Protein backbone atom coordinates (compact mmCIF):
# COMPACT_ATOMS: atom_id res chain seq x y z
CA MET A 1 -1.46 22.61 -31.65
CA ASN A 2 0.25 18.77 -31.09
CA PRO A 3 -2.92 16.38 -30.93
CA ASN A 4 -0.84 13.68 -29.05
CA ARG A 5 -1.13 13.80 -25.09
CA ALA A 6 1.17 11.45 -23.03
CA PHE A 7 0.39 10.48 -19.03
CA GLY A 8 1.86 7.98 -16.43
CA VAL A 9 -0.04 6.65 -13.71
CA GLY A 10 0.65 6.21 -9.70
CA CYS A 11 -1.10 6.56 -6.39
CA PHE A 12 -0.26 9.95 -4.83
CA HIS A 13 -2.16 11.02 -1.68
CA PHE A 14 -1.53 14.10 0.80
CA GLY A 15 -1.45 12.92 4.06
CA TYR A 16 -3.21 14.81 7.10
CA ARG A 17 -1.38 14.43 11.13
CA LYS A 18 -1.54 16.64 14.52
CA ALA A 19 -0.99 16.10 17.68
CA VAL A 20 -4.04 13.57 18.83
CA PRO A 21 -6.27 13.84 19.68
CA TYR A 22 -7.59 15.95 17.01
CA ARG A 23 -10.75 16.82 15.45
CA PHE A 24 -11.31 18.46 11.43
CA SER A 25 -13.56 19.01 8.53
CA ALA A 26 -12.74 18.04 5.12
CA SER A 27 -12.81 21.78 4.36
CA ASP A 28 -10.03 22.20 7.13
CA TYR A 29 -8.13 19.46 5.22
CA VAL A 30 -8.35 20.93 2.05
CA SER A 31 -7.45 24.48 3.39
CA ASP A 32 -3.83 23.42 4.60
CA VAL A 33 -3.08 20.98 1.68
CA LYS A 34 -4.22 24.21 -0.58
CA LYS A 35 -1.91 26.06 1.58
CA ALA A 36 1.42 23.49 1.88
CA LEU A 37 1.26 23.25 -2.27
CA SER A 38 0.84 26.82 -3.11
CA SER A 39 4.22 27.36 -0.65
CA LEU A 40 5.96 25.46 -3.76
CA SER A 41 7.69 28.03 -5.95
CA SER A 42 7.96 25.56 -8.80
CA LEU A 43 3.87 24.72 -8.75
CA SER A 44 1.22 27.02 -10.23
CA GLU A 45 -2.18 26.64 -11.51
CA LEU A 46 -3.91 24.56 -8.19
CA GLU A 47 -7.09 23.45 -7.86
CA VAL A 48 -8.59 21.25 -5.97
CA SER A 49 -12.33 20.18 -5.51
CA PHE A 50 -14.75 17.85 -3.43
CA PHE A 51 -18.18 17.18 -1.97
CA GLU A 52 -17.98 19.51 1.18
CA GLU A 53 -21.61 19.08 1.38
CA LEU A 54 -21.34 14.78 1.89
CA CYS A 55 -18.08 14.96 4.00
CA GLU A 56 -18.70 14.25 8.00
CA PRO A 57 -15.88 15.71 10.54
CA PHE A 58 -13.23 13.66 10.95
CA GLU A 59 -11.92 12.79 14.96
CA VAL A 60 -8.67 10.89 15.62
CA ALA A 61 -7.82 9.73 18.90
CA ASP A 62 -4.70 7.55 17.55
CA LYS A 63 -2.26 7.31 14.71
CA ALA A 64 -3.50 8.48 11.69
CA PRO A 65 -2.76 5.26 8.84
CA SER A 66 -0.30 6.18 5.92
CA LEU A 67 0.45 5.30 2.37
CA LEU A 68 3.73 4.77 3.20
CA ASP A 69 3.52 2.92 6.37
CA ASP A 70 0.65 0.37 6.11
CA GLY A 71 -0.97 0.74 2.87
CA ASP A 72 -3.98 2.33 4.25
CA TYR A 73 -4.63 6.22 3.06
CA PHE A 74 -6.25 9.08 5.56
CA PRO A 75 -7.96 11.01 5.25
CA GLY A 76 -10.67 10.07 2.68
CA VAL A 77 -12.60 13.21 0.91
CA MET A 78 -15.20 12.70 -1.07
CA GLY A 79 -14.80 13.61 -4.46
CA LEU A 80 -11.81 15.14 -4.09
CA THR A 81 -9.36 16.06 -7.14
CA ILE A 82 -6.59 18.07 -6.74
CA THR A 83 -4.88 19.13 -9.84
CA PHE A 84 -1.56 21.66 -10.16
CA THR A 85 1.47 22.08 -12.86
CA VAL A 86 4.76 21.53 -11.48
CA PHE A 87 7.88 23.23 -13.42
CA ILE A 88 10.96 20.90 -13.18
CA PRO A 89 14.36 22.07 -14.87
CA PHE A 90 16.47 19.85 -16.29
CA ARG A 91 19.19 20.57 -13.68
CA VAL A 92 17.08 19.48 -11.16
CA GLN A 93 15.83 16.32 -12.88
CA SER A 94 19.56 15.39 -13.51
CA GLU A 95 19.98 16.16 -9.83
CA LEU A 96 16.68 13.99 -8.39
CA PHE A 97 18.53 11.19 -10.26
CA PRO A 98 22.50 11.71 -11.32
CA ASN A 99 23.44 7.96 -12.94
CA GLU A 100 19.84 7.84 -15.13
CA SER A 101 19.68 10.68 -17.20
CA VAL A 102 15.84 10.67 -16.37
CA GLU A 103 15.51 14.02 -18.29
CA MET A 104 16.00 12.38 -21.40
CA GLN A 105 13.29 9.98 -20.86
CA THR A 106 10.68 12.97 -19.36
CA THR A 107 11.87 14.91 -22.37
CA THR A 108 10.29 18.04 -20.43
CA GLU A 109 10.41 20.74 -18.01
CA THR A 110 6.50 21.25 -17.18
CA PHE A 111 3.93 18.39 -15.70
CA ARG A 112 0.27 18.69 -15.16
CA VAL A 113 -0.33 16.44 -12.27
CA SER A 114 -4.23 14.99 -11.06
CA VAL A 115 -4.30 13.66 -7.46
CA ARG A 116 -7.92 12.41 -7.07
CA ASP A 117 -9.94 10.05 -4.66
CA SER A 118 -12.58 8.00 -6.32
CA PHE A 119 -14.93 5.01 -4.95
CA HIS A 120 -12.04 2.66 -4.59
CA GLY A 121 -9.18 4.90 -3.10
CA PRO A 122 -7.03 7.57 -4.42
CA PHE A 123 -4.47 7.48 -7.88
CA SER A 124 -2.98 9.91 -9.80
CA PHE A 125 -2.15 11.08 -13.39
CA VAL A 126 1.07 13.08 -14.31
CA GLU A 127 0.78 14.49 -17.83
CA CYS A 128 3.99 15.35 -19.85
CA ILE A 129 3.19 18.84 -20.85
CA GLY A 130 4.96 19.58 -24.74
CA ALA A 131 7.23 16.28 -24.19
CA THR A 132 8.08 14.15 -27.80
CA ASP A 133 6.22 11.26 -28.84
CA LEU A 134 9.28 9.68 -27.72
CA CYS A 135 9.14 10.07 -23.78
CA SER A 136 8.55 7.56 -20.96
CA PRO A 137 5.64 9.30 -18.81
CA SER A 138 6.33 6.44 -16.30
CA ASP A 139 9.46 8.37 -15.54
CA SER A 140 7.40 11.47 -15.01
CA VAL A 141 5.53 9.49 -12.31
CA ARG A 142 8.87 8.67 -10.95
CA LEU A 143 10.41 12.11 -11.13
CA LEU A 144 7.32 13.80 -9.60
CA ARG A 145 6.98 11.28 -6.28
CA VAL A 146 10.75 11.82 -6.00
CA TYR A 147 10.54 15.61 -6.07
CA LEU A 148 7.27 15.91 -4.28
CA GLU A 149 8.72 13.84 -1.57
CA ARG A 150 11.80 15.79 -1.14
CA GLU A 151 10.34 19.70 -1.36
CA PHE A 152 7.88 18.26 1.27
CA GLU A 153 9.95 17.43 3.59
CA LYS A 154 10.88 20.68 3.85
CA LEU A 155 7.69 22.24 4.84
CA ALA A 156 6.31 22.61 8.12
CA THR A 157 2.98 21.76 8.01
CA PRO A 158 0.50 18.96 9.15
CA VAL A 159 0.46 17.85 5.23
CA SER A 160 2.45 15.02 4.28
CA PHE A 161 3.25 13.77 0.83
CA GLU A 162 2.18 9.99 0.52
CA TYR A 163 2.50 7.47 -2.49
CA LEU A 164 2.07 3.82 -2.70
CA GLY A 165 3.50 1.04 -5.50
CA PRO A 166 3.66 0.62 -7.98
CA SER A 167 4.47 4.38 -8.91
CA PRO A 168 4.43 4.33 -11.76
CA PHE A 169 1.82 2.08 -12.93
CA HIS A 170 3.86 -0.54 -15.20
CA ALA A 171 2.76 0.96 -18.17
CA ASP A 172 3.17 4.39 -20.45
CA PHE A 173 -0.03 5.91 -21.60
CA PHE A 174 -0.77 7.73 -24.61
CA LEU A 175 -3.55 9.57 -26.15
CA ARG A 176 -3.46 9.96 -30.21
CA PRO A 177 -6.36 10.98 -32.66
CA GLY A 178 -7.95 8.40 -34.82
CA GLU A 179 -10.84 6.66 -35.96
CA ALA A 180 -14.06 6.83 -34.20
CA THR A 181 -16.20 4.10 -33.06
CA LEU A 182 -19.90 3.50 -32.53
CA ASP A 183 -19.55 1.37 -29.18
CA GLN A 184 -16.37 3.11 -27.61
CA SER A 185 -15.12 6.40 -26.78
CA PHE A 186 -11.55 4.98 -27.33
CA VAL A 187 -9.69 2.26 -29.25
CA LEU A 188 -6.89 0.74 -27.01
CA GLU A 189 -3.66 -0.44 -28.73
CA GLU A 190 -1.15 -2.40 -27.03
CA THR A 191 2.82 -2.57 -27.89
CA LYS A 192 4.73 -4.57 -26.18
CA ARG A 193 8.20 -3.01 -24.85
CA ARG A 194 11.06 -4.63 -23.12
CA GLY A 195 10.39 -2.63 -20.18
CA TYR A 196 6.86 -0.96 -19.77
CA ASN A 197 4.29 -1.62 -22.69
CA ASP A 198 2.73 1.68 -24.29
CA LEU A 199 -1.51 1.99 -24.20
CA ILE A 200 -1.87 3.80 -26.80
CA PHE A 201 -5.70 5.19 -26.31
CA LYS A 202 -7.24 6.57 -30.37
CA TYR A 203 -9.85 9.42 -30.14
CA SER A 204 -12.01 10.76 -32.24
CA GLN A 205 -10.80 13.48 -34.62
CA ASN A 206 -14.00 15.04 -34.62
CA GLN A 207 -12.87 16.30 -30.69
CA SER A 208 -10.07 18.60 -29.33
CA PRO A 209 -7.13 16.52 -27.29
CA ASP A 210 -7.67 18.57 -24.31
CA LYS A 211 -11.62 17.26 -24.10
CA ALA A 212 -10.50 13.66 -25.12
CA LEU A 213 -7.88 13.93 -22.25
CA ASP A 214 -10.13 14.99 -19.84
CA ASP A 215 -12.59 12.13 -21.15
CA LEU A 216 -10.02 8.99 -21.08
CA LEU A 217 -9.05 10.09 -17.53
CA GLY A 218 -12.57 10.02 -16.31
CA GLU A 219 -12.72 6.51 -18.00
CA LEU A 220 -9.71 5.43 -16.49
CA SER A 221 -10.77 6.28 -12.96
CA GLY A 222 -12.72 3.43 -11.95
CA GLU A 223 -10.28 1.01 -13.02
CA LEU A 224 -7.15 2.68 -11.99
CA SER A 225 -9.07 3.50 -7.79
CA LEU A 226 -9.48 -0.36 -7.95
CA PHE A 227 -6.26 -1.34 -8.92
CA TYR A 228 -4.82 0.52 -6.21
CA GLU A 229 -7.61 -0.72 -3.63
CA ILE A 230 -6.25 -4.28 -4.21
CA GLN A 231 -2.34 -3.00 -3.98
CA ARG A 232 -3.22 -1.71 -0.24
CA ARG A 233 -5.16 -4.91 0.52
CA ALA A 234 -2.18 -6.62 -0.88
CA VAL A 235 0.42 -4.30 1.19
CA ARG A 236 -1.88 -5.26 4.56
CA LEU A 237 -1.27 -9.16 3.66
CA MET A 238 2.22 -8.27 3.28
CA HIS A 239 2.53 -6.75 6.54
CA ALA A 240 0.83 -9.19 8.33
CA GLY A 241 3.01 -12.34 6.67
CA ASP A 242 5.96 -10.43 7.27
CA ASN A 243 5.00 -9.63 11.06
CA LEU A 244 3.90 -13.22 11.33
CA THR A 245 7.52 -14.49 9.84
CA ALA A 246 9.68 -12.15 12.17
CA ASN A 247 7.95 -13.63 14.73
CA TRP A 248 8.24 -17.18 14.24
CA GLN A 249 12.22 -16.67 13.69
CA ALA A 250 12.50 -14.43 17.22
CA LEU A 251 10.65 -17.99 18.74
CA GLN A 252 12.93 -20.30 16.66
CA SER A 253 15.96 -18.89 17.74
CA ILE A 254 15.11 -19.50 21.80
CA ALA A 255 13.05 -22.80 21.28
CA THR A 256 15.50 -24.65 18.61
CA PRO A 257 18.30 -24.84 21.98
CA SER A 258 17.78 -27.10 23.99
CA ILE A 259 15.90 -25.95 27.39
CA GLY A 260 17.05 -27.48 30.81
CA LEU A 261 14.24 -29.44 32.10
CA PHE A 262 14.02 -27.09 34.84
CA ASP A 263 14.01 -24.00 33.37
CA VAL A 264 10.54 -23.36 34.23
CA ARG A 265 10.30 -19.43 33.09
CA SER A 266 12.32 -20.18 29.59
CA ARG A 267 9.75 -23.17 28.83
CA ILE A 268 6.58 -20.93 29.92
CA ARG A 269 8.24 -18.39 27.70
CA VAL A 270 8.46 -20.63 24.75
CA HIS A 271 4.83 -22.00 25.31
CA ARG A 272 3.02 -18.80 25.63
CA GLU A 273 5.06 -16.92 22.15
CA ALA A 274 3.52 -20.24 20.16
CA GLN A 275 0.31 -20.24 21.25
CA ALA A 276 0.57 -16.80 20.15
CA LEU A 277 1.85 -17.52 17.12
CA VAL A 278 -0.18 -20.52 16.18
CA SER A 279 -3.48 -17.40 16.72
CA ASP A 280 -1.49 -14.99 14.34
CA ALA A 281 -1.26 -17.59 12.14
CA TYR A 282 -4.74 -18.45 11.82
CA THR A 283 -5.47 -15.01 12.01
CA LEU A 284 -3.71 -14.33 8.85
CA GLN A 285 -4.77 -17.51 7.16
CA ALA A 286 -8.55 -15.98 7.53
CA GLN A 287 -7.54 -12.38 6.93
CA TYR A 288 -6.09 -13.59 2.99
CA ALA A 289 -9.03 -15.73 2.64
CA VAL A 290 -11.52 -12.30 3.32
CA GLU A 291 -9.27 -9.99 1.70
CA GLU A 292 -9.09 -12.38 -1.55
CA GLN A 293 -13.20 -12.89 -1.46
CA GLN A 294 -13.31 -9.06 -1.39
CA VAL A 295 -10.95 -8.29 -4.07
CA GLN A 296 -13.02 -10.90 -6.52
CA ARG A 297 -16.66 -9.00 -5.35
CA ASP A 298 -14.81 -5.77 -6.14
CA ILE A 299 -13.53 -6.71 -9.50
CA ALA A 300 -17.01 -8.13 -10.47
CA SER A 301 -19.30 -5.41 -9.25
CA THR A 302 -17.05 -2.46 -10.66
CA TYR A 303 -17.54 -4.37 -13.83
CA GLU A 304 -20.90 -5.28 -13.68
CA LYS A 305 -21.44 -1.01 -13.42
CA GLY A 306 -20.38 -0.71 -16.96
CA VAL A 307 -16.89 0.27 -16.00
CA ALA A 308 -14.63 0.54 -19.21
CA THR A 309 -12.15 -2.29 -19.29
CA TYR A 310 -9.24 -1.09 -20.78
CA LEU A 311 -7.31 -2.40 -17.80
CA GLU A 312 -8.77 -5.09 -16.68
CA LYS A 313 -5.64 -7.19 -17.75
CA TYR A 314 -3.86 -5.84 -15.13
CA ILE A 315 -6.24 -5.51 -12.43
CA CYS A 316 -6.75 -9.44 -12.99
CA ASP A 317 -3.00 -9.55 -12.83
CA ARG A 318 -2.58 -7.95 -9.67
CA SER A 319 -5.54 -9.78 -7.69
CA GLU A 320 -4.09 -13.15 -8.79
CA LYS A 321 -1.04 -12.29 -7.01
CA LEU A 322 -1.73 -11.54 -3.51
CA PRO A 323 1.26 -12.35 -1.27
CA MET A 324 1.26 -15.77 0.44
CA TYR A 325 2.88 -16.81 3.23
CA PRO A 326 3.56 -20.81 4.78
CA VAL A 327 0.66 -20.61 7.11
CA GLU A 328 0.24 -23.90 7.53
CA SER A 329 3.83 -25.40 8.15
CA ILE A 330 3.83 -22.36 10.62
CA VAL A 331 0.75 -23.23 12.33
CA LYS A 332 1.90 -27.36 12.28
CA TRP A 333 5.39 -26.19 13.90
CA GLY A 334 4.03 -23.95 16.14
CA GLU A 335 1.63 -26.50 17.51
CA HIS A 336 4.33 -28.79 17.67
CA VAL A 337 6.36 -26.63 20.08
CA VAL A 338 3.44 -25.79 22.03
CA GLY A 339 3.05 -29.93 22.53
CA SER A 340 6.65 -30.48 23.37
CA SER A 341 7.11 -27.76 25.64
CA LEU A 342 3.52 -28.76 27.72
CA LYS A 343 5.03 -32.16 27.83
CA SER A 344 8.32 -31.28 28.97
CA ALA A 345 6.21 -28.96 32.12
CA GLU A 346 4.07 -32.39 32.67
CA ILE A 347 7.53 -34.26 32.95
CA ALA A 348 9.37 -31.47 35.06
CA ALA A 349 6.35 -31.23 37.28
CA VAL A 350 6.41 -35.35 37.73
CA VAL A 351 9.91 -35.46 38.25
CA LEU A 352 9.64 -32.71 41.31
CA SER A 353 6.63 -34.09 43.00
CA ALA A 354 8.56 -37.43 43.04
CA ILE A 355 12.13 -35.72 44.24
CA GLY A 356 9.59 -33.42 46.46
CA GLY A 357 8.10 -36.61 48.09
CA GLY A 358 11.10 -38.46 48.45
CA ILE A 359 12.56 -35.58 50.17
CA ILE A 360 9.48 -35.58 52.54
CA GLY A 361 9.73 -39.32 52.88
CA SER A 362 13.28 -39.31 53.74
CA LEU A 363 12.52 -36.48 56.53
CA LEU A 364 9.77 -38.89 58.15
CA THR A 365 12.41 -41.87 58.22
CA SER A 366 14.59 -39.93 59.80
CA LEU A 367 12.70 -38.28 62.71
CA MET A 368 11.17 -41.88 63.41
CA SER A 369 14.38 -43.57 63.67
CA ARG A 370 15.41 -40.75 66.20
CA GLY A 371 12.19 -41.85 68.05
CA VAL A 372 10.74 -38.54 67.65
């Protein structure tokens, strides 16, 4: 038996959508997921477990969130673990990546996939079964992502295959026998590569490779769940920031050209949209502060619980790179537009009042000259 193991990490999830409104239990969801996965001829050894007694029924009145759309996921099922084996022939791998020779990177046709939902949310493992020591597990995650996405598009099911980037996680994971330690279950050695670094976990030779792998996946779960929760927060900020930027560009296109002094309708529109832009900008500024604070709290609370710190560097790096936008500049520009549009409206009102008064005065003079 080969004592070495290789796996990649990503964030896969199975969404669940029906015509709204709808109500379902965790058991209903799990049953439909199993049915959908079992319909794939390439899939075998399907196992599903979850904390059924702790799950409340789900009630959906509006469109359910999606990892693919807004970074949020649904449904969240406590303790959910979905494990299955997928056989993807080299021929099919070549078809999915015709210009990459991905089969030369995976070096295997058999993959063991584990989709999990932990405290902070979903994440996944893809083990390369029988692969050579030169395999690239991160490429296996890419392969499974594309393959499952293609296969689920063919199914008539309320279950959808979803994923969140980075999938793959930017590292290749390897498990190899080594020396036992007193204070750690595994010894991590990181080898820098031109692409993704190799994370090599050494386990005690007194353990079986399968038991060591199961233990390692369990130890990594807390950190990976946290990492992808931070990524979901980043995606939410990115969507909000992109929307704010798009609204600013749209308003700029109508506010920058000169608007006639008496074009009241256009001035009112610019004024209202500028006010809305300023409000949205302040909202994003507050959202960023809240998300940033929550990320730091989550990191602190996670490691205070004694979670292994194998991936702390990656988590801190992700937390320090939340997307930022020029909110203050947009606020200043929006407030300027609001002020100038209001000033122009006041001038127009004064002019119209003067013109109106002049017209009335002329009429009175005319009438009085006629002796009316």
